[in-house]
Amino acid sequence: MRIGLMIGSDKERSRADRLSGLLDDGKAAESDGFASFWIPQVPGYLDAMTAVALLGRVTDRIEIGTAVVPVQTRHPLIMAQQALTTQVACTGRFTLGIGPSHHWIVADQLGLSYDRPARLVRDYLDVLEAAFAGPGQVVVANDSYRVNSPVDVTDTVDMPVLLAALGPTMLRTAGQRTGGTILWMADERAIGDYVVPRISEAAESAGRSGIRVVAGVPVALCAEHDVDDARAYASEVLGHADFSPNYVRLLEHGDAEDVGDTMAAGDEATILARLRRYRDAGVTDLAARVVPLGADATQRQASRRRTQEFVASLVSELGS
């Protein structure tokens, strides 16, 4: 299991410091030995793909990915154009994570249609696949798009695509047509009993191998008597189960009721044991979301650093 970091919106930084701070976070992740660095597209916050492109210019080794960009907000040809440009900036280390998002973002916040998202994703991938095949004219006609336009960003490059997939239809699409899936709010049982068998079967049927299962998992190194508070805090600041039927359906396949229940929290031995269970369930890539704890910014910063340093120390052990 490869060990990476997932970040989110950092409201403790001033707006003026958020971009430079994110770049510092990416450089620190690379210095700490993490394999990957994942950035979500948070509504109203820094644009994920712009941030990835900038990170590509200040790092040398680490994989940088989006987790994830909603497909409804960008035409697939424009997404391809931006992704290829970002791949150039990252010297081949960029992974494009996309997904259909949720109704409370797409419909309620943006006023866009959330009708038949799985079909939209399939049609979207038609355009991406054609655009990523190499420079030239992209001609695609399906139920959602009519495209006849050139792409001339770079020579043929490998463009890994991962798909946020919570339901069986999306998992089938992820296995058959992409490099794998990016998960959030999935515990070990949901991954091992539900996600991995379905995506693996779909990939095998399409003759694909090397399918990735990237799991976003909150992590907090803390005293055992603080674990319950850490889980409650994670559910408060990171949880969206009450907003999204997609997450509710995924949770039903596991033992967790909210994101806090998926968390690796406690002392070093407790965290290691839980992360091993994620690995044994079939997670190929851990995207650790560090949850800092403390009464003030200074304490939370120290908590973040302790947790990140400990997770970094597990890179070789969990990778075995």
C-alpha atoms as a PDB file:
ATOM      1  CA  MET A   1       0.000   0.000   0.000  1.00  0.00           C
ATOM      2  CA  ARG A   2       1.419   3.355  -1.063  1.00  0.00           C
ATOM      3  CA  ILE A   3       1.132   6.084   1.576  1.00  0.00           C
ATOM      4  CA  GLY A   4       0.079   9.597   0.632  1.00  0.00           C
ATOM      5  CA  LEU A   5      -1.528  12.670   2.148  1.00  0.00           C
ATOM      6  CA  MET A   6      -4.898  14.255   1.421  1.00  0.00           C
ATOM      7  CA  ILE A   7      -5.419  17.900   2.334  1.00  0.00           C
ATOM      8  CA  GLY A   8      -8.521  20.055   2.514  1.00  0.00           C
ATOM      9  CA  SER A   9      -9.389  23.681   3.035  1.00  0.00           C
ATOM     10  CA  ASP A  10      -7.152  25.228   5.669  1.00  0.00           C
ATOM     11  CA  LYS A  11      -9.270  27.907   7.292  1.00  0.00           C
ATOM     12  CA  GLU A  12      -6.661  28.580   9.975  1.00  0.00           C
ATOM     13  CA  ARG A  13      -4.431  30.204   7.392  1.00  0.00           C
ATOM     14  CA  SER A  14      -5.207  33.693   6.233  1.00  0.00           C
ATOM     15  CA  ARG A  15      -6.504  33.946   2.682  1.00  0.00           C
ATOM     16  CA  ALA A  16      -3.246  35.591   1.665  1.00  0.00           C
ATOM     17  CA  ASP A  17      -1.245  32.618   2.961  1.00  0.00           C
ATOM     18  CA  ARG A  18      -3.372  29.705   1.761  1.00  0.00           C
ATOM     19  CA  LEU A  19      -1.763  29.114  -1.619  1.00  0.00           C
ATOM     20  CA  SER A  20       1.815  29.528  -0.423  1.00  0.00           C
ATOM     21  CA  GLY A  21       0.975  27.359   2.580  1.00  0.00           C
ATOM     22  CA  LEU A  22      -0.420  24.628   0.343  1.00  0.00           C
ATOM     23  CA  LEU A  23       2.761  24.662  -1.729  1.00  0.00           C
ATOM     24  CA  ASP A  24       4.760  24.361   1.488  1.00  0.00           C
ATOM     25  CA  ASP A  25       2.579  21.410   2.501  1.00  0.00           C
ATOM     26  CA  GLY A  26       3.282  19.666  -0.801  1.00  0.00           C
ATOM     27  CA  LYS A  27       7.016  20.210  -0.510  1.00  0.00           C
ATOM     28  CA  ALA A  28       6.940  18.933   3.075  1.00  0.00           C
ATOM     29  CA  ALA A  29       5.008  15.813   1.996  1.00  0.00           C
ATOM     30  CA  GLU A  30       7.656  15.068  -0.609  1.00  0.00           C
ATOM     31  CA  SER A  31      10.451  15.692   1.895  1.00  0.00           C
ATOM     32  CA  ASP A  32       8.767  13.381   4.408  1.00  0.00           C
ATOM     33  CA  GLY A  33       8.783  10.556   1.864  1.00  0.00           C
ATOM     34  CA  PHE A  34       5.084  10.331   0.998  1.00  0.00           C
ATOM     35  CA  ALA A  35       4.263   8.770  -2.354  1.00  0.00           C
ATOM     36  CA  SER A  36       1.360  11.053  -3.231  1.00  0.00           C
ATOM     37  CA  PHE A  37      -0.444  14.287  -2.380  1.00  0.00           C
ATOM     38  CA  TRP A  38      -4.195  14.610  -3.022  1.00  0.00           C
ATOM     39  CA  ILE A  39      -6.202  17.818  -3.313  1.00  0.00           C
ATOM     40  CA  PRO A  40     -10.019  17.943  -3.332  1.00  0.00           C
ATOM     41  CA  GLN A  41     -12.033  20.524  -5.211  1.00  0.00           C
ATOM     42  CA  VAL A  42     -13.603  22.223  -2.176  1.00  0.00           C
ATOM     43  CA  PRO A  43     -16.534  24.528  -3.006  1.00  0.00           C
ATOM     44  CA  GLY A  44     -15.457  28.143  -2.776  1.00  0.00           C
ATOM     45  CA  TYR A  45     -11.831  27.369  -1.947  1.00  0.00           C
ATOM     46  CA  LEU A  46      -8.600  27.212  -3.961  1.00  0.00           C
ATOM     47  CA  ASP A  47      -8.965  25.600  -7.378  1.00  0.00           C
ATOM     48  CA  ALA A  48      -7.515  22.111  -7.155  1.00  0.00           C
ATOM     49  CA  MET A  49      -6.052  21.782 -10.648  1.00  0.00           C
ATOM     50  CA  THR A  50      -4.425  25.204 -10.547  1.00  0.00           C
ATOM     51  CA  ALA A  51      -2.868  24.261  -7.218  1.00  0.00           C
ATOM     52  CA  VAL A  52      -1.660  20.928  -8.636  1.00  0.00           C
ATOM     53  CA  ALA A  53       0.018  22.674 -11.563  1.00  0.00           C
ATOM     54  CA  LEU A  54       1.839  25.009  -9.204  1.00  0.00           C
ATOM     55  CA  LEU A  55       2.841  22.118  -6.956  1.00  0.00           C
ATOM     56  CA  GLY A  56       4.288  20.386  -9.970  1.00  0.00           C
ATOM     57  CA  ARG A  57       6.770  23.213 -10.383  1.00  0.00           C
ATOM     58  CA  VAL A  58       8.005  23.131  -6.762  1.00  0.00           C
ATOM     59  CA  THR A  59       8.304  19.341  -6.334  1.00  0.00           C
ATOM     60  CA  ASP A  60      10.304  16.678  -8.145  1.00  0.00           C
ATOM     61  CA  ARG A  61       9.144  13.186  -7.215  1.00  0.00           C
ATOM     62  CA  ILE A  62       5.769  13.015  -5.532  1.00  0.00           C
ATOM     63  CA  GLU A  63       2.566  12.074  -7.377  1.00  0.00           C
ATOM     64  CA  ILE A  64       0.001  14.884  -7.218  1.00  0.00           C
ATOM     65  CA  GLY A  65      -3.683  14.241  -7.801  1.00  0.00           C
ATOM     66  CA  THR A  66      -7.147  15.713  -7.585  1.00  0.00           C
ATOM     67  CA  ALA A  67      -9.585  13.967  -5.269  1.00  0.00           C
ATOM     68  CA  VAL A  68     -11.806  14.925  -6.961  1.00  0.00           C
ATOM     69  CA  VAL A  69     -12.951  17.471  -9.559  1.00  0.00           C
ATOM     70  CA  PRO A  70     -16.713  17.371 -10.335  1.00  0.00           C
ATOM     71  CA  VAL A  71     -17.348  16.652 -14.004  1.00  0.00           C
ATOM     72  CA  GLN A  72     -20.416  18.895 -14.259  1.00  0.00           C
ATOM     73  CA  THR A  73     -18.399  22.074 -13.748  1.00  0.00           C
ATOM     74  CA  ARG A  74     -16.081  21.682 -16.769  1.00  0.00           C
ATOM     75  CA  HIS A  75     -16.713  20.560 -20.308  1.00  0.00           C
ATOM     76  CA  PRO A  76     -14.730  17.354 -20.865  1.00  0.00           C
ATOM     77  CA  LEU A  77     -12.635  18.854 -23.647  1.00  0.00           C
ATOM     78  CA  ILE A  78     -11.728  21.807 -21.421  1.00  0.00           C
ATOM     79  CA  MET A  79     -11.011  19.379 -18.582  1.00  0.00           C
ATOM     80  CA  ALA A  80      -8.711  17.448 -20.911  1.00  0.00           C
ATOM     81  CA  GLN A  81      -6.961  20.625 -22.025  1.00  0.00           C
ATOM     82  CA  GLN A  82      -6.376  21.691 -18.434  1.00  0.00           C
ATOM     83  CA  ALA A  83      -5.342  18.199 -17.352  1.00  0.00           C
ATOM     84  CA  LEU A  84      -2.774  17.887 -20.123  1.00  0.00           C
ATOM     85  CA  THR A  85      -1.371  21.301 -19.274  1.00  0.00           C
ATOM     86  CA  THR A  86      -1.208  20.275 -15.623  1.00  0.00           C
ATOM     87  CA  GLN A  87       0.544  17.043 -16.568  1.00  0.00           C
ATOM     88  CA  VAL A  88       3.228  19.053 -18.359  1.00  0.00           C
ATOM     89  CA  ALA A  89       3.654  21.239 -15.274  1.00  0.00           C
ATOM     90  CA  CYS A  90       3.983  18.112 -13.122  1.00  0.00           C
ATOM     91  CA  THR A  91       6.461  16.408 -15.488  1.00  0.00           C
ATOM     92  CA  GLY A  92       4.240  13.345 -15.739  1.00  0.00           C
ATOM     93  CA  ARG A  93       3.327  13.033 -12.031  1.00  0.00           C
ATOM     94  CA  PHE A  94      -0.302  14.192 -12.219  1.00  0.00           C
ATOM     95  CA  THR A  95      -3.292  11.902 -11.678  1.00  0.00           C
ATOM     96  CA  LEU A  96      -6.708  13.260 -12.621  1.00  0.00           C
ATOM     97  CA  GLY A  97      -9.363  12.270 -10.112  1.00  0.00           C
ATOM     98  CA  ILE A  98     -12.892  13.086 -11.259  1.00  0.00           C
ATOM     99  CA  GLY A  99     -16.405  12.289 -10.142  1.00  0.00           C
ATOM    100  CA  PRO A 100     -20.079  13.235 -10.424  1.00  0.00           C
ATOM    101  CA  SER A 101     -20.038  14.956  -7.007  1.00  0.00           C
ATOM    102  CA  HIS A 102     -23.313  15.211  -5.078  1.00  0.00           C
ATOM    103  CA  HIS A 103     -26.693  16.834  -5.564  1.00  0.00           C
ATOM    104  CA  TRP A 104     -26.116  19.305  -2.726  1.00  0.00           C
ATOM    105  CA  ILE A 105     -23.121  20.733  -4.597  1.00  0.00           C
ATOM    106  CA  VAL A 106     -24.126  20.390  -8.239  1.00  0.00           C
ATOM    107  CA  ALA A 107     -27.845  21.216  -7.969  1.00  0.00           C
ATOM    108  CA  ASP A 108     -28.209  23.136  -4.709  1.00  0.00           C
ATOM    109  CA  GLN A 109     -25.023  25.231  -4.841  1.00  0.00           C
ATOM    110  CA  LEU A 110     -24.367  25.555  -8.568  1.00  0.00           C
ATOM    111  CA  GLY A 111     -27.861  25.265 -10.012  1.00  0.00           C
ATOM    112  CA  LEU A 112     -26.821  22.599 -12.528  1.00  0.00           C
ATOM    113  CA  SER A 113     -28.569  19.398 -13.449  1.00  0.00           C
ATOM    114  CA  TYR A 114     -27.816  16.290 -11.423  1.00  0.00           C
ATOM    115  CA  ASP A 115     -29.848  14.068 -13.715  1.00  0.00           C
ATOM    116  CA  ARG A 116     -28.416  10.594 -14.425  1.00  0.00           C
ATOM    117  CA  PRO A 117     -24.855  11.252 -13.211  1.00  0.00           C
ATOM    118  CA  ALA A 118     -23.596   7.755 -14.068  1.00  0.00           C
ATOM    119  CA  ARG A 119     -24.578   8.169 -17.727  1.00  0.00           C
ATOM    120  CA  LEU A 120     -22.972  11.610 -17.782  1.00  0.00           C
ATOM    121  CA  VAL A 121     -19.718  10.141 -16.461  1.00  0.00           C
ATOM    122  CA  ARG A 122     -19.671   7.484 -19.197  1.00  0.00           C
ATOM    123  CA  ASP A 123     -20.222  10.116 -21.874  1.00  0.00           C
ATOM    124  CA  TYR A 124     -17.610  12.346 -20.262  1.00  0.00           C
ATOM    125  CA  LEU A 125     -15.040   9.566 -20.372  1.00  0.00           C
ATOM    126  CA  ASP A 126     -15.668   9.137 -24.108  1.00  0.00           C
ATOM    127  CA  VAL A 127     -14.353  12.661 -24.663  1.00  0.00           C
ATOM    128  CA  LEU A 128     -11.465  12.379 -22.198  1.00  0.00           C
ATOM    129  CA  GLU A 129     -10.260   9.125 -23.726  1.00  0.00           C
ATOM    130  CA  ALA A 130     -10.258  10.631 -27.207  1.00  0.00           C
ATOM    131  CA  ALA A 131      -8.507  13.788 -26.039  1.00  0.00           C
ATOM    132  CA  PHE A 132      -5.842  11.881 -24.101  1.00  0.00           C
ATOM    133  CA  ALA A 133      -5.060   9.609 -27.072  1.00  0.00           C
ATOM    134  CA  GLY A 134      -2.687  12.219 -28.471  1.00  0.00           C
ATOM    135  CA  PRO A 135      -2.595  15.513 -30.363  1.00  0.00           C
ATOM    136  CA  GLY A 136      -5.190  15.832 -33.092  1.00  0.00           C
ATOM    137  CA  GLN A 137      -8.859  16.262 -33.788  1.00  0.00           C
ATOM    138  CA  VAL A 138     -11.253  15.007 -31.122  1.00  0.00           C
ATOM    139  CA  VAL A 139     -14.526  13.843 -32.628  1.00  0.00           C
ATOM    140  CA  VAL A 140     -17.103  12.427 -30.218  1.00  0.00           C
ATOM    141  CA  ALA A 141     -20.878  12.250 -30.433  1.00  0.00           C
ATOM    142  CA  ASN A 142     -22.921  10.705 -27.644  1.00  0.00           C
ATOM    143  CA  ASP A 143     -26.032  11.508 -25.625  1.00  0.00           C
ATOM    144  CA  SER A 144     -24.345  14.321 -23.683  1.00  0.00           C
ATOM    145  CA  TYR A 145     -21.676  15.823 -25.965  1.00  0.00           C
ATOM    146  CA  ARG A 146     -21.046  16.748 -29.569  1.00  0.00           C
ATOM    147  CA  VAL A 147     -17.328  17.443 -29.899  1.00  0.00           C
ATOM    148  CA  ASN A 148     -15.310  18.255 -33.007  1.00  0.00           C
ATOM    149  CA  SER A 149     -12.277  20.207 -31.877  1.00  0.00           C
ATOM    150  CA  PRO A 150      -8.474  19.934 -31.904  1.00  0.00           C
ATOM    151  CA  VAL A 151      -6.260  19.178 -28.918  1.00  0.00           C
ATOM    152  CA  ASP A 152      -2.659  20.291 -29.315  1.00  0.00           C
ATOM    153  CA  VAL A 153      -1.228  20.676 -25.802  1.00  0.00           C
ATOM    154  CA  THR A 154       1.598  18.155 -25.707  1.00  0.00           C
ATOM    155  CA  ASP A 155       2.830  14.956 -27.279  1.00  0.00           C
ATOM    156  CA  THR A 156       1.230  11.692 -26.198  1.00  0.00           C
ATOM    157  CA  VAL A 157       1.552  11.327 -22.437  1.00  0.00           C
ATOM    158  CA  ASP A 158       0.238   8.879 -19.892  1.00  0.00           C
ATOM    159  CA  MET A 159      -2.770  10.481 -18.217  1.00  0.00           C
ATOM    160  CA  PRO A 160      -3.980   8.380 -15.279  1.00  0.00           C
ATOM    161  CA  VAL A 161      -7.658   8.894 -14.499  1.00  0.00           C
ATOM    162  CA  LEU A 162      -9.351   7.764 -11.295  1.00  0.00           C
ATOM    163  CA  LEU A 163     -13.083   7.886 -10.711  1.00  0.00           C
ATOM    164  CA  ALA A 164     -14.910   8.581  -7.464  1.00  0.00           C
ATOM    165  CA  ALA A 165     -17.264   5.600  -7.345  1.00  0.00           C
ATOM    166  CA  LEU A 166     -19.695   4.800  -4.544  1.00  0.00           C
ATOM    167  CA  GLY A 167     -22.403   2.728  -6.237  1.00  0.00           C
ATOM    168  CA  PRO A 168     -22.208  -0.487  -8.297  1.00  0.00           C
ATOM    169  CA  THR A 169     -22.702   1.250 -11.660  1.00  0.00           C
ATOM    170  CA  MET A 170     -19.926   3.738 -11.002  1.00  0.00           C
ATOM    171  CA  LEU A 171     -17.620   1.026  -9.657  1.00  0.00           C
ATOM    172  CA  ARG A 172     -18.197  -0.960 -12.842  1.00  0.00           C
ATOM    173  CA  THR A 173     -17.336   2.084 -14.948  1.00  0.00           C
ATOM    174  CA  ALA A 174     -14.242   2.786 -12.847  1.00  0.00           C
ATOM    175  CA  GLY A 175     -12.982  -0.763 -13.249  1.00  0.00           C
ATOM    176  CA  GLN A 176     -13.732  -1.044 -16.962  1.00  0.00           C
ATOM    177  CA  ARG A 177     -12.595   2.385 -18.127  1.00  0.00           C
ATOM    178  CA  THR A 178     -10.232   4.066 -15.645  1.00  0.00           C
ATOM    179  CA  GLY A 179      -7.248   3.299 -13.474  1.00  0.00           C
ATOM    180  CA  GLY A 180      -9.353   2.803 -10.359  1.00  0.00           C
ATOM    181  CA  THR A 181     -11.315   4.675  -7.752  1.00  0.00           C
ATOM    182  CA  ILE A 182     -10.914   7.313  -5.051  1.00  0.00           C
ATOM    183  CA  LEU A 183     -12.939   6.699  -1.903  1.00  0.00           C
ATOM    184  CA  TRP A 184     -14.082   8.792   1.023  1.00  0.00           C
ATOM    185  CA  MET A 185     -16.188   7.670   3.974  1.00  0.00           C
ATOM    186  CA  ALA A 186     -15.529   3.969   3.339  1.00  0.00           C
ATOM    187  CA  ASP A 187     -14.384   1.701   6.146  1.00  0.00           C
ATOM    188  CA  GLU A 188     -12.507  -1.569   5.858  1.00  0.00           C
ATOM    189  CA  ARG A 189     -15.573  -3.789   5.499  1.00  0.00           C
ATOM    190  CA  ALA A 190     -17.151  -1.578   2.843  1.00  0.00           C
ATOM    191  CA  ILE A 191     -13.900  -1.643   0.902  1.00  0.00           C
ATOM    192  CA  GLY A 192     -13.094  -5.319   1.294  1.00  0.00           C
ATOM    193  CA  ASP A 193     -16.580  -6.776   0.904  1.00  0.00           C
ATOM    194  CA  TYR A 194     -18.141  -4.305  -1.518  1.00  0.00           C
ATOM    195  CA  VAL A 195     -15.766  -1.976  -3.389  1.00  0.00           C
ATOM    196  CA  VAL A 196     -12.822  -4.224  -4.198  1.00  0.00           C
ATOM    197  CA  PRO A 197     -14.798  -7.246  -5.476  1.00  0.00           C
ATOM    198  CA  ARG A 198     -16.940  -5.114  -7.787  1.00  0.00           C
ATOM    199  CA  ILE A 199     -14.207  -2.952  -9.245  1.00  0.00           C
ATOM    200  CA  SER A 200     -11.878  -5.941  -9.619  1.00  0.00           C
ATOM    201  CA  GLU A 201     -14.509  -7.990 -11.442  1.00  0.00           C
ATOM    202  CA  ALA A 202     -15.227  -5.077 -13.781  1.00  0.00           C
ATOM    203  CA  ALA A 203     -11.541  -4.556 -14.507  1.00  0.00           C
ATOM    204  CA  GLU A 204     -10.981  -8.251 -15.177  1.00  0.00           C
ATOM    205  CA  SER A 205     -13.921  -8.349 -17.585  1.00  0.00           C
ATOM    206  CA  ALA A 206     -12.351  -5.469 -19.521  1.00  0.00           C
ATOM    207  CA  GLY A 207      -8.872  -7.020 -19.509  1.00  0.00           C
ATOM    208  CA  ARG A 208      -7.477  -4.306 -17.252  1.00  0.00           C
ATOM    209  CA  SER A 209      -4.923  -4.821 -14.491  1.00  0.00           C
ATOM    210  CA  GLY A 210      -3.246  -2.707 -11.840  1.00  0.00           C
ATOM    211  CA  ILE A 211      -6.517  -1.182 -10.645  1.00  0.00           C
ATOM    212  CA  ARG A 212      -5.986   1.301  -7.828  1.00  0.00           C
ATOM    213  CA  VAL A 213      -8.184   1.763  -4.772  1.00  0.00           C
ATOM    214  CA  VAL A 214      -7.285   5.102  -3.191  1.00  0.00           C
ATOM    215  CA  ALA A 215      -8.876   5.520   0.231  1.00  0.00           C
ATOM    216  CA  GLY A 216      -9.099   8.846   1.997  1.00  0.00           C
ATOM    217  CA  VAL A 217      -8.790   8.068   5.709  1.00  0.00           C
ATOM    218  CA  PRO A 218      -8.743  10.635   8.534  1.00  0.00           C
ATOM    219  CA  VAL A 219      -5.859  10.105  10.962  1.00  0.00           C
ATOM    220  CA  ALA A 220      -5.135  11.635  14.376  1.00  0.00           C
ATOM    221  CA  LEU A 221      -2.349  10.649  16.750  1.00  0.00           C
ATOM    222  CA  CYS A 222      -3.762  11.228  20.221  1.00  0.00           C
ATOM    223  CA  ALA A 223      -4.220   9.781  23.683  1.00  0.00           C
ATOM    224  CA  GLU A 224      -6.706   6.944  23.962  1.00  0.00           C
ATOM    225  CA  HIS A 225      -9.032   9.015  26.152  1.00  0.00           C
ATOM    226  CA  ASP A 226      -9.267  11.592  23.336  1.00  0.00           C
ATOM    227  CA  VAL A 227     -10.322   9.152  20.602  1.00  0.00           C
ATOM    228  CA  ASP A 228     -14.068   9.620  20.946  1.00  0.00           C
ATOM    229  CA  ASP A 229     -13.704  13.393  20.834  1.00  0.00           C
ATOM    230  CA  ALA A 230     -11.434  13.080  17.774  1.00  0.00           C
ATOM    231  CA  ARG A 231     -14.014  10.960  15.945  1.00  0.00           C
ATOM    232  CA  ALA A 232     -16.813  13.365  16.817  1.00  0.00           C
ATOM    233  CA  TYR A 233     -14.724  16.307  15.635  1.00  0.00           C
ATOM    234  CA  ALA A 234     -13.879  14.580  12.353  1.00  0.00           C
ATOM    235  CA  SER A 235     -17.552  13.830  11.700  1.00  0.00           C
ATOM    236  CA  GLU A 236     -18.413  17.452  12.432  1.00  0.00           C
ATOM    237  CA  VAL A 237     -15.845  19.062  10.138  1.00  0.00           C
ATOM    238  CA  LEU A 238     -15.453  16.385   7.445  1.00  0.00           C
ATOM    239  CA  GLY A 239     -18.731  14.495   7.394  1.00  0.00           C
ATOM    240  CA  HIS A 240     -21.407  14.866   4.727  1.00  0.00           C
ATOM    241  CA  ALA A 241     -23.402  11.674   5.214  1.00  0.00           C
ATOM    242  CA  ASP A 242     -26.534  13.578   6.145  1.00  0.00           C
ATOM    243  CA  PHE A 243     -26.349  15.532   2.856  1.00  0.00           C
ATOM    244  CA  SER A 244     -25.643  12.750   0.383  1.00  0.00           C
ATOM    245  CA  PRO A 245     -27.604   9.588  -0.401  1.00  0.00           C
ATOM    246  CA  ASN A 246     -24.447   8.386  -2.200  1.00  0.00           C
ATOM    247  CA  TYR A 247     -22.506   8.311   1.061  1.00  0.00           C
ATOM    248  CA  VAL A 248     -25.421   6.774   2.936  1.00  0.00           C
ATOM    249  CA  ARG A 249     -25.504   3.855   0.494  1.00  0.00           C
ATOM    250  CA  LEU A 250     -21.763   3.349   0.819  1.00  0.00           C
ATOM    251  CA  LEU A 251     -21.908   3.441   4.619  1.00  0.00           C
ATOM    252  CA  GLU A 252     -24.559   0.715   4.549  1.00  0.00           C
ATOM    253  CA  HIS A 253     -21.952  -1.698   3.171  1.00  0.00           C
ATOM    254  CA  GLY A 254     -19.673  -1.216   6.181  1.00  0.00           C
ATOM    255  CA  ASP A 255     -19.791  -0.625   9.921  1.00  0.00           C
ATOM    256  CA  ALA A 256     -19.259   3.153   9.927  1.00  0.00           C
ATOM    257  CA  GLU A 257     -22.094   5.630  10.436  1.00  0.00           C
ATOM    258  CA  ASP A 258     -20.086   8.751   9.571  1.00  0.00           C
ATOM    259  CA  VAL A 259     -16.583   9.742   8.575  1.00  0.00           C
ATOM    260  CA  GLY A 260     -15.355   9.727  12.170  1.00  0.00           C
ATOM    261  CA  ASP A 261     -15.967   5.986  12.298  1.00  0.00           C
ATOM    262  CA  THR A 262     -13.552   5.462   9.393  1.00  0.00           C
ATOM    263  CA  MET A 263     -10.821   7.328  11.277  1.00  0.00           C
ATOM    264  CA  ALA A 264      -7.514   5.890  12.453  1.00  0.00           C
ATOM    265  CA  ALA A 265      -7.231   7.591  15.843  1.00  0.00           C
ATOM    266  CA  GLY A 266      -5.322   6.822  19.022  1.00  0.00           C
ATOM    267  CA  ASP A 267      -1.753   5.927  19.878  1.00  0.00           C
ATOM    268  CA  GLU A 268       0.840   4.646  17.428  1.00  0.00           C
ATOM    269  CA  ALA A 269      -0.082   0.978  17.796  1.00  0.00           C
ATOM    270  CA  THR A 270      -3.796   1.662  17.343  1.00  0.00           C
ATOM    271  CA  ILE A 271      -3.271   3.718  14.196  1.00  0.00           C
ATOM    272  CA  LEU A 272      -0.900   1.170  12.698  1.00  0.00           C
ATOM    273  CA  ALA A 273      -3.335  -1.665  13.349  1.00  0.00           C
ATOM    274  CA  ARG A 274      -6.216   0.160  11.668  1.00  0.00           C
ATOM    275  CA  LEU A 275      -4.180   1.202   8.645  1.00  0.00           C
ATOM    276  CA  ARG A 276      -3.066  -2.404   8.257  1.00  0.00           C
ATOM    277  CA  ARG A 277      -6.733  -3.416   8.130  1.00  0.00           C
ATOM    278  CA  TYR A 278      -7.297  -0.938   5.303  1.00  0.00           C
ATOM    279  CA  ARG A 279      -4.334  -2.417   3.444  1.00  0.00           C
ATOM    280  CA  ASP A 280      -5.580  -5.965   3.992  1.00  0.00           C
ATOM    281  CA  ALA A 281      -9.038  -4.940   2.721  1.00  0.00           C
ATOM    282  CA  GLY A 282      -7.508  -4.109  -0.658  1.00  0.00           C
ATOM    283  CA  VAL A 283      -6.550  -0.452  -0.427  1.00  0.00           C
ATOM    284  CA  THR A 284      -3.634   0.131  -2.783  1.00  0.00           C
ATOM    285  CA  ASP A 285      -3.134   3.794  -1.891  1.00  0.00           C
ATOM    286  CA  LEU A 286      -3.805   5.397   1.474  1.00  0.00           C
ATOM    287  CA  ALA A 287      -4.584   9.115   1.330  1.00  0.00           C
ATOM    288  CA  ALA A 288      -4.194  10.090   4.976  1.00  0.00           C
ATOM    289  CA  ARG A 289      -6.200  13.153   5.955  1.00  0.00           C
ATOM    290  CA  VAL A 290      -4.465  14.462   9.070  1.00  0.00           C
ATOM    291  CA  VAL A 291      -6.964  15.829  11.596  1.00  0.00           C
ATOM    292  CA  PRO A 292      -5.189  18.239  13.963  1.00  0.00           C
ATOM    293  CA  LEU A 293      -6.465  18.375  17.522  1.00  0.00           C
ATOM    294  CA  GLY A 294      -6.062  21.038  20.178  1.00  0.00           C
ATOM    295  CA  ALA A 295      -7.608  24.033  21.870  1.00  0.00           C
ATOM    296  CA  ASP A 296      -5.778  26.641  19.800  1.00  0.00           C
ATOM    297  CA  ALA A 297      -3.848  27.056  16.552  1.00  0.00           C
ATOM    298  CA  THR A 298      -0.477  26.345  18.162  1.00  0.00           C
ATOM    299  CA  GLN A 299      -1.655  23.068  19.656  1.00  0.00           C
ATOM    300  CA  ARG A 300      -3.343  22.024  16.422  1.00  0.00           C
ATOM    301  CA  GLN A 301      -0.204  22.787  14.410  1.00  0.00           C
ATOM    302  CA  ALA A 302       1.875  20.631  16.755  1.00  0.00           C
ATOM    303  CA  SER A 303      -0.739  17.863  16.573  1.00  0.00           C
ATOM    304  CA  ARG A 304      -0.699  17.978  12.780  1.00  0.00           C
ATOM    305  CA  ARG A 305       3.061  17.683  12.654  1.00  0.00           C
ATOM    306  CA  ARG A 306       3.182  14.768  15.126  1.00  0.00           C
ATOM    307  CA  THR A 307       0.548  12.830  13.201  1.00  0.00           C
ATOM    308  CA  GLN A 308       2.125  13.513   9.819  1.00  0.00           C
ATOM    309  CA  GLU A 309       5.574  12.492  11.011  1.00  0.00           C
ATOM    310  CA  PHE A 310       4.196   9.249  12.434  1.00  0.00           C
ATOM    311  CA  VAL A 311       2.288   8.361   9.254  1.00  0.00           C
ATOM    312  CA  ALA A 312       5.431   9.127   7.239  1.00  0.00           C
ATOM    313  CA  SER A 313       7.357   6.696   9.428  1.00  0.00           C
ATOM    314  CA  LEU A 314       4.996   3.919   8.289  1.00  0.00           C
ATOM    315  CA  VAL A 315       5.746   4.275   4.584  1.00  0.00           C
ATOM    316  CA  SER A 316       8.144   1.348   4.400  1.00  0.00           C
ATOM    317  CA  GLU A 317       6.246  -0.882   6.836  1.00  0.00           C
ATOM    318  CA  LEU A 318       2.790  -0.541   5.280  1.00  0.00           C
ATOM    319  CA  GLY A 319       4.238  -0.729   1.810  1.00  0.00           C
ATOM    320  CA  SER A 320       5.499  -4.215   2.456  1.00  0.00           C
END
